[in-house]
């Protein structure tokens, strides 16, 4: 996942677009990080649309009209 989708800290979160069109803030567990990407090992389901970029002014529960970017699909980490 692009690092721009994460709020990093003691409890990393992402903003997810729920099926009802509202934003939902979710805690995630981050695995391996690179300079521009992070592996999410829990907290998201495959295909969950997330906000990438500046989240300033966005609040959980807010209804939004999304603009989807053409980003590559990423797979969820598998625990072996």
PDB file of N, CA and C in Angstrom:
ATOM      1  N   UNK A   1       0.832  -1.153   0.000  1.00  0.00           N
ATOM      2  CA  UNK A   1       0.000   0.000   0.000  1.00  0.00           C
ATOM      3  C   UNK A   1       0.893   1.237   0.000  1.00  0.00           C
ATOM      4  N   UNK A   2       0.502   2.290  -0.721  1.00  0.00           N
ATOM      5  CA  UNK A   2       1.303   3.519  -0.686  1.00  0.00           C
ATOM      6  C   UNK A   2       1.372   4.089   0.727  1.00  0.00           C
ATOM      7  N   UNK A   3       2.547   4.549   1.118  1.00  0.00           N
ATOM      8  CA  UNK A   3       2.698   5.138   2.456  1.00  0.00           C
ATOM      9  C   UNK A   3       1.767   6.327   2.662  1.00  0.00           C
ATOM     10  N   UNK A   4       1.401   7.015   1.564  1.00  0.00           N
ATOM     11  CA  UNK A   4       0.524   8.181   1.678  1.00  0.00           C
ATOM     12  C   UNK A   4      -0.865   7.819   2.187  1.00  0.00           C
ATOM     13  N   UNK A   5      -1.213   6.526   2.195  1.00  0.00           N
ATOM     14  CA  UNK A   5      -2.523   6.098   2.693  1.00  0.00           C
ATOM     15  C   UNK A   5      -2.520   5.903   4.208  1.00  0.00           C
ATOM     16  N   UNK A   6      -1.348   5.869   4.813  1.00  0.00           N
ATOM     17  CA  UNK A   6      -1.227   5.559   6.237  1.00  0.00           C
ATOM     18  C   UNK A   6      -1.027   6.794   7.095  1.00  0.00           C
ATOM     19  N   UNK A   7      -1.611   6.748   8.275  1.00  0.00           N
ATOM     20  CA  UNK A   7      -1.232   7.652   9.338  1.00  0.00           C
ATOM     21  C   UNK A   7      -0.372   6.814  10.261  1.00  0.00           C
ATOM     22  N   UNK A   8       0.906   7.139  10.334  1.00  0.00           N
ATOM     23  CA  UNK A   8       1.862   6.341  11.091  1.00  0.00           C
ATOM     24  C   UNK A   8       1.951   6.881  12.511  1.00  0.00           C
ATOM     25  N   UNK A   9       2.085   5.981  13.439  1.00  0.00           N
ATOM     26  CA  UNK A   9       2.222   6.346  14.840  1.00  0.00           C
ATOM     27  C   UNK A   9       2.143   5.093  15.680  1.00  0.00           C
ATOM     28  N   UNK A  10       1.781   5.248  16.952  1.00  0.00           N
ATOM     29  CA  UNK A  10       1.635   4.089  17.828  1.00  0.00           C
ATOM     30  C   UNK A  10       0.554   3.143  17.324  1.00  0.00           C
ATOM     31  N   UNK A  11      -0.507   3.692  16.733  1.00  0.00           N
ATOM     32  CA  UNK A  11      -1.602   2.900  16.169  1.00  0.00           C
ATOM     33  C   UNK A  11      -1.851   3.356  14.737  1.00  0.00           C
ATOM     34  N   UNK A  12      -1.134   2.776  13.755  1.00  0.00           N
ATOM     35  CA  UNK A  12      -1.320   3.205  12.363  1.00  0.00           C
ATOM     36  C   UNK A  12      -2.764   2.998  11.911  1.00  0.00           C
ATOM     37  N   UNK A  13      -3.263   3.937  11.108  1.00  0.00           N
ATOM     38  CA  UNK A  13      -4.624   3.843  10.586  1.00  0.00           C
ATOM     39  C   UNK A  13      -4.656   4.166   9.104  1.00  0.00           C
ATOM     40  N   UNK A  14      -5.738   3.722   8.472  1.00  0.00           N
ATOM     41  CA  UNK A  14      -6.051   4.114   7.100  1.00  0.00           C
ATOM     42  C   UNK A  14      -7.507   4.552   7.077  1.00  0.00           C
ATOM     43  N   UNK A  15      -7.862   5.364   6.100  1.00  0.00           N
ATOM     44  CA  UNK A  15      -9.233   5.791   5.904  1.00  0.00           C
ATOM     45  C   UNK A  15      -9.794   4.936   4.767  1.00  0.00           C
ATOM     46  N   UNK A  16     -10.862   4.193   5.067  1.00  0.00           N
ATOM     47  CA  UNK A  16     -11.474   3.265   4.118  1.00  0.00           C
ATOM     48  C   UNK A  16     -12.831   3.812   3.698  1.00  0.00           C
ATOM     49  N   UNK A  17     -13.163   3.650   2.416  1.00  0.00           N
ATOM     50  CA  UNK A  17     -14.481   4.011   1.922  1.00  0.00           C
ATOM     51  C   UNK A  17     -15.403   2.818   2.140  1.00  0.00           C
ATOM     52  N   UNK A  18     -16.366   2.963   3.047  1.00  0.00           N
ATOM     53  CA  UNK A  18     -17.309   1.884   3.347  1.00  0.00           C
ATOM     54  C   UNK A  18     -18.342   1.771   2.230  1.00  0.00           C
ATOM     55  N   UNK A  19     -19.083   0.678   2.236  1.00  0.00           N
ATOM     56  CA  UNK A  19     -20.068   0.422   1.178  1.00  0.00           C
ATOM     57  C   UNK A  19     -21.164   1.473   1.119  1.00  0.00           C
ATOM     58  N   UNK A  20     -21.436   2.142   2.231  1.00  0.00           N
ATOM     59  CA  UNK A  20     -22.484   3.172   2.242  1.00  0.00           C
ATOM     60  C   UNK A  20     -21.973   4.534   1.784  1.00  0.00           C
ATOM     61  N   UNK A  21     -20.691   4.594   1.343  1.00  0.00           N
ATOM     62  CA  UNK A  21     -20.120   5.844   0.856  1.00  0.00           C
ATOM     63  C   UNK A  21     -19.544   6.728   1.938  1.00  0.00           C
ATOM     64  N   UNK A  22     -19.481   6.218   3.150  1.00  0.00           N
ATOM     65  CA  UNK A  22     -18.919   6.990   4.262  1.00  0.00           C
ATOM     66  C   UNK A  22     -17.494   6.533   4.563  1.00  0.00           C
ATOM     67  N   UNK A  23     -16.715   7.432   5.139  1.00  0.00           N
ATOM     68  CA  UNK A  23     -15.345   7.108   5.512  1.00  0.00           C
ATOM     69  C   UNK A  23     -15.312   6.408   6.855  1.00  0.00           C
ATOM     70  N   UNK A  24     -14.426   5.449   6.938  1.00  0.00           N
ATOM     71  CA  UNK A  24     -14.239   4.685   8.169  1.00  0.00           C
ATOM     72  C   UNK A  24     -12.745   4.636   8.458  1.00  0.00           C
ATOM     73  N   UNK A  25     -12.352   5.053   9.642  1.00  0.00           N
ATOM     74  CA  UNK A  25     -10.936   4.979  10.016  1.00  0.00           C
ATOM     75  C   UNK A  25     -10.675   3.620  10.652  1.00  0.00           C
ATOM     76  N   UNK A  26      -9.688   2.894  10.126  1.00  0.00           N
ATOM     77  CA  UNK A  26      -9.375   1.560  10.642  1.00  0.00           C
ATOM     78  C   UNK A  26      -7.943   1.472  11.108  1.00  0.00           C
ATOM     79  N   UNK A  27      -7.769   0.818  12.252  1.00  0.00           N
ATOM     80  CA  UNK A  27      -6.422   0.513  12.723  1.00  0.00           C
ATOM     81  C   UNK A  27      -5.898  -0.647  11.889  1.00  0.00           C
ATOM     82  N   UNK A  28      -4.637  -0.561  11.512  1.00  0.00           N
ATOM     83  CA  UNK A  28      -4.003  -1.619  10.728  1.00  0.00           C
ATOM     84  C   UNK A  28      -2.685  -2.010  11.379  1.00  0.00           C
ATOM     85  N   UNK A  29      -2.265  -3.217  11.075  1.00  0.00           N
ATOM     86  CA  UNK A  29      -0.946  -3.667  11.516  1.00  0.00           C
ATOM     87  C   UNK A  29      -0.034  -3.628  10.299  1.00  0.00           C
ATOM     88  N   UNK A  30       1.070  -2.918  10.439  1.00  0.00           N
ATOM     89  CA  UNK A  30       2.017  -2.731   9.340  1.00  0.00           C
ATOM     90  C   UNK A  30       3.148  -3.742   9.474  1.00  0.00           C
ATOM     91  N   UNK A  31       3.490  -4.373   8.342  1.00  0.00           N
ATOM     92  CA  UNK A  31       4.616  -5.299   8.298  1.00  0.00           C
ATOM     93  C   UNK A  31       5.838  -4.594   7.733  1.00  0.00           C
ATOM     94  N   UNK A  32       6.329  -5.085   6.633  1.00  0.00           N
ATOM     95  CA  UNK A  32       7.530  -4.531   5.993  1.00  0.00           C
ATOM     96  C   UNK A  32       7.211  -3.181   5.362  1.00  0.00           C
ATOM     97  N   UNK A  33       8.133  -2.216   5.547  1.00  0.00           N
ATOM     98  CA  UNK A  33       8.002  -0.897   4.925  1.00  0.00           C
ATOM     99  C   UNK A  33       9.195  -0.638   4.033  1.00  0.00           C
ATOM    100  N   UNK A  34       8.925   0.021   2.911  1.00  0.00           N
ATOM    101  CA  UNK A  34       9.984   0.510   2.032  1.00  0.00           C
ATOM    102  C   UNK A  34       9.886   2.032   2.039  1.00  0.00           C
ATOM    103  N   UNK A  35      10.618   2.671   1.155  1.00  0.00           N
ATOM    104  CA  UNK A  35      10.606   4.135   1.114  1.00  0.00           C
ATOM    105  C   UNK A  35       9.238   4.697   0.739  1.00  0.00           C
ATOM    106  N   UNK A  36       8.444   3.945  -0.033  1.00  0.00           N
ATOM    107  CA  UNK A  36       7.165   4.486  -0.492  1.00  0.00           C
ATOM    108  C   UNK A  36       5.972   3.554  -0.315  1.00  0.00           C
ATOM    109  N   UNK A  37       6.180   2.360   0.246  1.00  0.00           N
ATOM    110  CA  UNK A  37       5.088   1.399   0.411  1.00  0.00           C
ATOM    111  C   UNK A  37       5.156   0.734   1.773  1.00  0.00           C
ATOM    112  N   UNK A  38       4.010   0.173   2.179  1.00  0.00           N
ATOM    113  CA  UNK A  38       3.945  -0.571   3.440  1.00  0.00           C
ATOM    114  C   UNK A  38       3.101  -1.816   3.239  1.00  0.00           C
ATOM    115  N   UNK A  39       3.534  -2.887   3.862  1.00  0.00           N
ATOM    116  CA  UNK A  39       2.759  -4.121   3.863  1.00  0.00           C
ATOM    117  C   UNK A  39       1.741  -4.022   5.003  1.00  0.00           C
ATOM    118  N   UNK A  40       0.480  -4.282   4.707  1.00  0.00           N
ATOM    119  CA  UNK A  40      -0.560  -4.304   5.730  1.00  0.00           C
ATOM    120  C   UNK A  40      -0.850  -5.763   6.035  1.00  0.00           C
ATOM    121  N   UNK A  41      -0.598  -6.179   7.272  1.00  0.00           N
ATOM    122  CA  UNK A  41      -0.770  -7.593   7.622  1.00  0.00           C
ATOM    123  C   UNK A  41      -2.115  -7.867   8.290  1.00  0.00           C
ATOM    124  N   UNK A  42      -2.792  -6.837   8.766  1.00  0.00           N
ATOM    125  CA  UNK A  42      -4.149  -7.028   9.274  1.00  0.00           C
ATOM    126  C   UNK A  42      -4.860  -5.684   9.336  1.00  0.00           C
ATOM    127  N   UNK A  43      -6.192  -5.750   9.321  1.00  0.00           N
ATOM    128  CA  UNK A  43      -7.001  -4.539   9.424  1.00  0.00           C
ATOM    129  C   UNK A  43      -7.735  -4.170   8.154  1.00  0.00           C
ATOM    130  N   UNK A  44      -7.350  -4.774   7.025  1.00  0.00           N
ATOM    131  CA  UNK A  44      -8.013  -4.528   5.745  1.00  0.00           C
ATOM    132  C   UNK A  44      -8.390  -5.845   5.095  1.00  0.00           C
ATOM    133  N   UNK A  45      -9.403  -5.778   4.246  1.00  0.00           N
ATOM    134  CA  UNK A  45      -9.786  -6.913   3.410  1.00  0.00           C
ATOM    135  C   UNK A  45      -9.343  -6.615   1.981  1.00  0.00           C
ATOM    136  N   UNK A  46      -9.128  -7.659   1.200  1.00  0.00           N
ATOM    137  CA  UNK A  46      -8.761  -7.482  -0.208  1.00  0.00           C
ATOM    138  C   UNK A  46      -9.827  -6.648  -0.905  1.00  0.00           C
ATOM    139  N   UNK A  47      -9.397  -5.634  -1.633  1.00  0.00           N
ATOM    140  CA  UNK A  47     -10.316  -4.790  -2.386  1.00  0.00           C
ATOM    141  C   UNK A  47     -10.882  -3.607  -1.632  1.00  0.00           C
ATOM    142  N   UNK A  48     -10.570  -3.455  -0.338  1.00  0.00           N
ATOM    143  CA  UNK A  48     -11.047  -2.285   0.403  1.00  0.00           C
ATOM    144  C   UNK A  48     -10.479  -1.016  -0.221  1.00  0.00           C
ATOM    145  N   UNK A  49     -11.330  -0.065  -0.638  1.00  0.00           N
ATOM    146  CA  UNK A  49     -10.811   1.195  -1.191  1.00  0.00           C
ATOM    147  C   UNK A  49     -10.347   2.109  -0.053  1.00  0.00           C
ATOM    148  N   UNK A  50      -9.134   2.631  -0.171  1.00  0.00           N
ATOM    149  CA  UNK A  50      -8.572   3.503   0.858  1.00  0.00           C
ATOM    150  C   UNK A  50      -8.252   4.875   0.291  1.00  0.00           C
ATOM    151  N   UNK A  51      -8.234   5.867   1.178  1.00  0.00           N
ATOM    152  CA  UNK A  51      -7.859   7.230   0.802  1.00  0.00           C
ATOM    153  C   UNK A  51      -6.342   7.285   0.724  1.00  0.00           C
ATOM    154  N   UNK A  52      -5.830   7.782  -0.396  1.00  0.00           N
ATOM    155  CA  UNK A  52      -4.389   7.947  -0.581  1.00  0.00           C
ATOM    156  C   UNK A  52      -4.116   9.433  -0.731  1.00  0.00           C
ATOM    157  N   UNK A  53      -3.188   9.932   0.067  1.00  0.00           N
ATOM    158  CA  UNK A  53      -2.832  11.339  -0.021  1.00  0.00           C
ATOM    159  C   UNK A  53      -3.295  12.104   1.206  1.00  0.00           C
ATOM    160  N   UNK A  54      -3.463  13.391   1.044  1.00  0.00           N
ATOM    161  CA  UNK A  54      -3.784  14.291   2.143  1.00  0.00           C
ATOM    162  C   UNK A  54      -5.164  13.977   2.717  1.00  0.00           C
ATOM    163  N   UNK A  55      -5.186  13.587   3.996  1.00  0.00           N
ATOM    164  CA  UNK A  55      -6.450  13.284   4.671  1.00  0.00           C
ATOM    165  C   UNK A  55      -6.955  14.453   5.498  1.00  0.00           C
ATOM    166  N   UNK A  56      -6.261  15.575   5.437  1.00  0.00           N
ATOM    167  CA  UNK A  56      -6.672  16.751   6.208  1.00  0.00           C
ATOM    168  C   UNK A  56      -8.088  17.139   5.815  1.00  0.00           C
ATOM    169  N   UNK A  57      -8.915  17.381   6.804  1.00  0.00           N
ATOM    170  CA  UNK A  57     -10.294  17.794   6.542  1.00  0.00           C
ATOM    171  C   UNK A  57     -11.254  16.641   6.343  1.00  0.00           C
ATOM    172  N   UNK A  58     -10.760  15.400   6.336  1.00  0.00           N
ATOM    173  CA  UNK A  58     -11.631  14.235   6.204  1.00  0.00           C
ATOM    174  C   UNK A  58     -11.877  13.640   7.576  1.00  0.00           C
ATOM    175  N   UNK A  59     -13.130  13.334   7.853  1.00  0.00           N
ATOM    176  CA  UNK A  59     -13.494  12.777   9.155  1.00  0.00           C
ATOM    177  C   UNK A  59     -14.208  11.450   8.981  1.00  0.00           C
ATOM    178  N   UNK A  60     -13.964  10.532   9.911  1.00  0.00           N
ATOM    179  CA  UNK A  60     -14.676   9.261   9.906  1.00  0.00           C
ATOM    180  C   UNK A  60     -16.174   9.539   9.993  1.00  0.00           C
ATOM    181  N   UNK A  61     -16.953   8.795   9.227  1.00  0.00           N
ATOM    182  CA  UNK A  61     -18.398   8.970   9.193  1.00  0.00           C
ATOM    183  C   UNK A  61     -18.874   9.925   8.122  1.00  0.00           C
ATOM    184  N   UNK A  62     -17.951  10.706   7.563  1.00  0.00           N
ATOM    185  CA  UNK A  62     -18.292  11.670   6.521  1.00  0.00           C
ATOM    186  C   UNK A  62     -18.623  10.933   5.230  1.00  0.00           C
ATOM    187  N   UNK A  63     -19.669  11.367   4.537  1.00  0.00           N
ATOM    188  CA  UNK A  63     -20.027  10.786   3.249  1.00  0.00           C
ATOM    189  C   UNK A  63     -19.292  11.569   2.161  1.00  0.00           C
ATOM    190  N   UNK A  64     -18.642  10.832   1.267  1.00  0.00           N
ATOM    191  CA  UNK A  64     -17.856  11.491   0.224  1.00  0.00           C
ATOM    192  C   UNK A  64     -18.214  10.932  -1.144  1.00  0.00           C
ATOM    193  N   UNK A  65     -17.827  11.654  -2.167  1.00  0.00           N
ATOM    194  CA  UNK A  65     -17.932  11.181  -3.544  1.00  0.00           C
ATOM    195  C   UNK A  65     -16.498  10.890  -3.997  1.00  0.00           C
ATOM    196  N   UNK A  66     -16.139   9.625  -4.090  1.00  0.00           N
ATOM    197  CA  UNK A  66     -14.734   9.284  -4.380  1.00  0.00           C
ATOM    198  C   UNK A  66     -14.340   9.524  -5.828  1.00  0.00           C
ATOM    199  N   UNK A  67     -13.054   9.737  -6.019  1.00  0.00           N
ATOM    200  CA  UNK A  67     -12.421   9.740  -7.345  1.00  0.00           C
ATOM    201  C   UNK A  67     -11.377   8.638  -7.284  1.00  0.00           C
ATOM    202  N   UNK A  68     -11.608   7.590  -8.022  1.00  0.00           N
ATOM    203  CA  UNK A  68     -10.716   6.440  -7.963  1.00  0.00           C
ATOM    204  C   UNK A  68      -9.518   6.625  -8.885  1.00  0.00           C
ATOM    205  N   UNK A  69      -8.334   6.349  -8.357  1.00  0.00           N
ATOM    206  CA  UNK A  69      -7.093   6.410  -9.128  1.00  0.00           C
ATOM    207  C   UNK A  69      -6.827   5.029  -9.709  1.00  0.00           C
ATOM    208  N   UNK A  70      -6.145   4.983 -10.800  1.00  0.00           N
ATOM    209  CA  UNK A  70      -5.794   3.718 -11.434  1.00  0.00           C
ATOM    210  C   UNK A  70      -4.478   3.236 -10.842  1.00  0.00           C
ATOM    211  N   UNK A  71      -4.579   2.595  -9.676  1.00  0.00           N
ATOM    212  CA  UNK A  71      -3.407   2.069  -8.986  1.00  0.00           C
ATOM    213  C   UNK A  71      -3.367   0.563  -9.132  1.00  0.00           C
ATOM    214  N   UNK A  72      -2.181  -0.029  -9.107  1.00  0.00           N
ATOM    215  CA  UNK A  72      -2.104  -1.495  -9.209  1.00  0.00           C
ATOM    216  C   UNK A  72      -2.745  -2.162  -8.000  1.00  0.00           C
ATOM    217  N   UNK A  73      -3.352  -3.303  -8.229  1.00  0.00           N
ATOM    218  CA  UNK A  73      -3.930  -4.104  -7.141  1.00  0.00           C
ATOM    219  C   UNK A  73      -2.799  -4.681  -6.312  1.00  0.00           C
ATOM    220  N   UNK A  74      -3.025  -4.778  -5.020  1.00  0.00           N
ATOM    221  CA  UNK A  74      -2.030  -5.383  -4.137  1.00  0.00           C
ATOM    222  C   UNK A  74      -2.662  -6.566  -3.423  1.00  0.00           C
ATOM    223  N   UNK A  75      -1.868  -7.539  -3.127  1.00  0.00           N
ATOM    224  CA  UNK A  75      -2.343  -8.729  -2.433  1.00  0.00           C
ATOM    225  C   UNK A  75      -2.171  -8.561  -0.933  1.00  0.00           C
ATOM    226  N   UNK A  76      -3.027  -9.236  -0.188  1.00  0.00           N
ATOM    227  CA  UNK A  76      -2.875  -9.235   1.262  1.00  0.00           C
ATOM    228  C   UNK A  76      -1.752 -10.168   1.651  1.00  0.00           C
ATOM    229  N   UNK A  77      -1.073  -9.837   2.723  1.00  0.00           N
ATOM    230  CA  UNK A  77      -0.002 -10.694   3.227  1.00  0.00           C
ATOM    231  C   UNK A  77      -0.597 -12.009   3.720  1.00  0.00           C
ATOM    232  N   UNK A  78       0.083 -13.081   3.472  1.00  0.00           N
ATOM    233  CA  UNK A  78      -0.356 -14.403   3.904  1.00  0.00           C
ATOM    234  C   UNK A  78       0.551 -14.878   5.038  1.00  0.00           C
ATOM    235  N   UNK A  79      -0.052 -15.324   6.115  1.00  0.00           N
ATOM    236  CA  UNK A  79       0.722 -15.883   7.215  1.00  0.00           C
ATOM    237  C   UNK A  79       0.965 -17.352   6.943  1.00  0.00           C
ATOM    238  N   UNK A  80       2.201 -17.765   6.927  1.00  0.00           N
ATOM    239  CA  UNK A  80       2.528 -19.176   6.658  1.00  0.00           C
ATOM    240  C   UNK A  80       2.840 -19.903   7.930  1.00  0.00           C
TER     241      UNK A  80
END
